Amino acid sequence: MSTMHNKPEVSENNGKPEILMAYNKTKGGVDAMDQMAHTFTVKQKTKRWPLVIFFNIIDLSSIAARAVYRMKFSTSNLSHEDNRQAFNINIGRSLAVAHIQRR
């Protein structure tokens, strides 16, 4: 369903519906974010669905936080993978510090 595409128009180039072509053209960021979340993840194997949702929230929020951080502070002196891994390690340490101090 789309509010932009009312009629079943078909693309002349490849015969696919126009609504599908518009979706594929504008939703590439979702695939890129999923790929980044899969590379460095905090997920563990579990059958408890609240934990699965929590792990997804942590993965996606770390990607979003890193994007904001990179916009604010240019970190081009390190390679792309080193930056992401170091950023995730720093997030993990800062999330664990309060719990470790309390124990």
Protein backbone atom coordinates (compact mmCIF):
# COMPACT_ATOMS: atom_id res chain seq x y z
CA MET A 1 0.00 0.00 0.00
CA SER A 2 1.24 3.42 -0.88
CA THR A 3 -0.30 6.88 -0.83
CA MET A 4 2.00 7.94 -3.65
CA HIS A 5 1.11 5.15 -6.10
CA ASN A 6 -2.62 4.83 -6.76
CA LYS A 7 -2.57 3.06 -10.12
CA PRO A 8 -0.88 -0.26 -10.95
CA GLU A 9 1.82 1.19 -13.21
CA VAL A 10 4.58 -1.05 -14.57
CA SER A 11 8.12 0.12 -15.30
CA GLU A 12 9.06 0.13 -18.98
CA ASN A 13 12.67 -0.90 -18.29
CA ASN A 14 12.19 -4.22 -16.55
CA GLY A 15 8.45 -4.86 -16.26
CA LYS A 16 8.35 -4.54 -12.47
CA PRO A 17 5.61 -2.55 -10.70
CA GLU A 18 6.47 1.11 -10.17
CA ILE A 19 5.73 0.89 -6.44
CA LEU A 20 8.39 -1.82 -6.07
CA MET A 21 10.95 0.20 -7.99
CA ALA A 22 10.32 3.26 -5.80
CA TYR A 23 10.65 1.17 -2.64
CA ASN A 24 13.93 -0.40 -3.76
CA LYS A 25 15.29 3.01 -4.76
CA THR A 26 14.59 4.66 -1.39
CA LYS A 27 15.06 1.87 1.17
CA GLY A 28 18.71 0.92 0.66
CA GLY A 29 19.64 2.38 4.03
CA VAL A 30 17.67 -0.30 5.83
CA ASP A 31 19.70 -3.03 4.16
CA ALA A 32 22.95 -1.22 4.93
CA MET A 33 22.00 -0.83 8.59
CA ASP A 34 21.06 -4.50 8.86
CA GLN A 35 24.40 -5.45 7.34
CA MET A 36 26.29 -3.24 9.80
CA ALA A 37 24.31 -4.66 12.73
CA HIS A 38 25.18 -8.17 11.62
CA THR A 39 28.92 -7.45 11.47
CA PHE A 40 29.36 -6.37 15.10
CA THR A 41 26.47 -7.61 17.18
CA VAL A 42 25.72 -8.16 20.85
CA LYS A 43 23.17 -10.88 20.10
CA GLN A 44 23.29 -14.21 21.84
CA LYS A 45 21.32 -17.34 21.11
CA THR A 46 18.15 -17.22 23.19
CA LYS A 47 14.55 -18.32 23.06
CA ARG A 48 13.32 -15.39 25.11
CA TRP A 49 11.80 -12.86 22.73
CA PRO A 50 12.26 -9.84 25.08
CA LEU A 51 16.01 -10.46 24.97
CA VAL A 52 15.98 -10.68 21.18
CA ILE A 53 14.25 -7.30 21.01
CA PHE A 54 16.68 -5.86 23.56
CA PHE A 55 19.68 -7.10 21.56
CA ASN A 56 18.25 -5.55 18.39
CA ILE A 57 17.73 -2.24 20.18
CA ILE A 58 21.34 -2.25 21.40
CA ASP A 59 22.69 -3.14 17.93
CA LEU A 60 20.69 -0.49 16.07
CA SER A 61 21.21 2.21 18.67
CA SER A 62 24.98 1.66 18.60
CA ILE A 63 24.95 2.15 14.82
CA ALA A 64 22.87 5.32 15.14
CA ALA A 65 25.08 6.63 17.97
CA ARG A 66 28.20 5.98 15.91
CA ALA A 67 26.71 7.86 12.97
CA VAL A 68 25.97 10.86 15.19
CA TYR A 69 29.45 10.64 16.70
CA ARG A 70 31.09 10.55 13.26
CA MET A 71 29.07 13.58 12.16
CA LYS A 72 30.22 15.51 15.25
CA PHE A 73 33.84 14.32 15.44
CA SER A 74 35.73 13.37 12.30
CA THR A 75 37.62 10.11 12.91
CA SER A 76 39.11 9.54 9.49
CA ASN A 77 42.61 8.67 10.75
CA LEU A 78 41.63 5.05 11.56
CA SER A 79 40.24 2.44 9.21
CA HIS A 80 36.47 1.99 8.98
CA GLU A 81 36.38 -1.38 10.77
CA ASP A 82 38.73 -0.29 13.58
CA ASN A 83 36.53 2.71 14.31
CA ARG A 84 33.36 0.63 14.52
CA GLN A 85 34.89 -2.03 16.72
CA ALA A 86 36.51 0.48 19.08
CA PHE A 87 33.27 2.45 19.30
CA ASN A 88 31.27 -0.67 20.21
CA ILE A 89 33.86 -1.70 22.81
CA ASN A 90 33.67 1.75 24.40
CA ILE A 91 29.87 1.57 24.49
CA GLY A 92 30.01 -1.86 26.13
CA ARG A 93 32.49 -0.71 28.74
CA SER A 94 30.51 2.41 29.61
CA LEU A 95 27.30 0.37 29.94
CA ALA A 96 29.01 -2.14 32.25
CA VAL A 97 30.87 0.29 34.53
CA ALA A 98 27.87 1.16 36.72
CA HIS A 99 26.98 -2.52 37.17
CA ILE A 100 30.57 -3.49 37.99
CA GLN A 101 30.91 -0.66 40.54
CA ARG A 102 27.63 -1.62 42.19
CA ARG A 103 28.76 -5.24 42.62
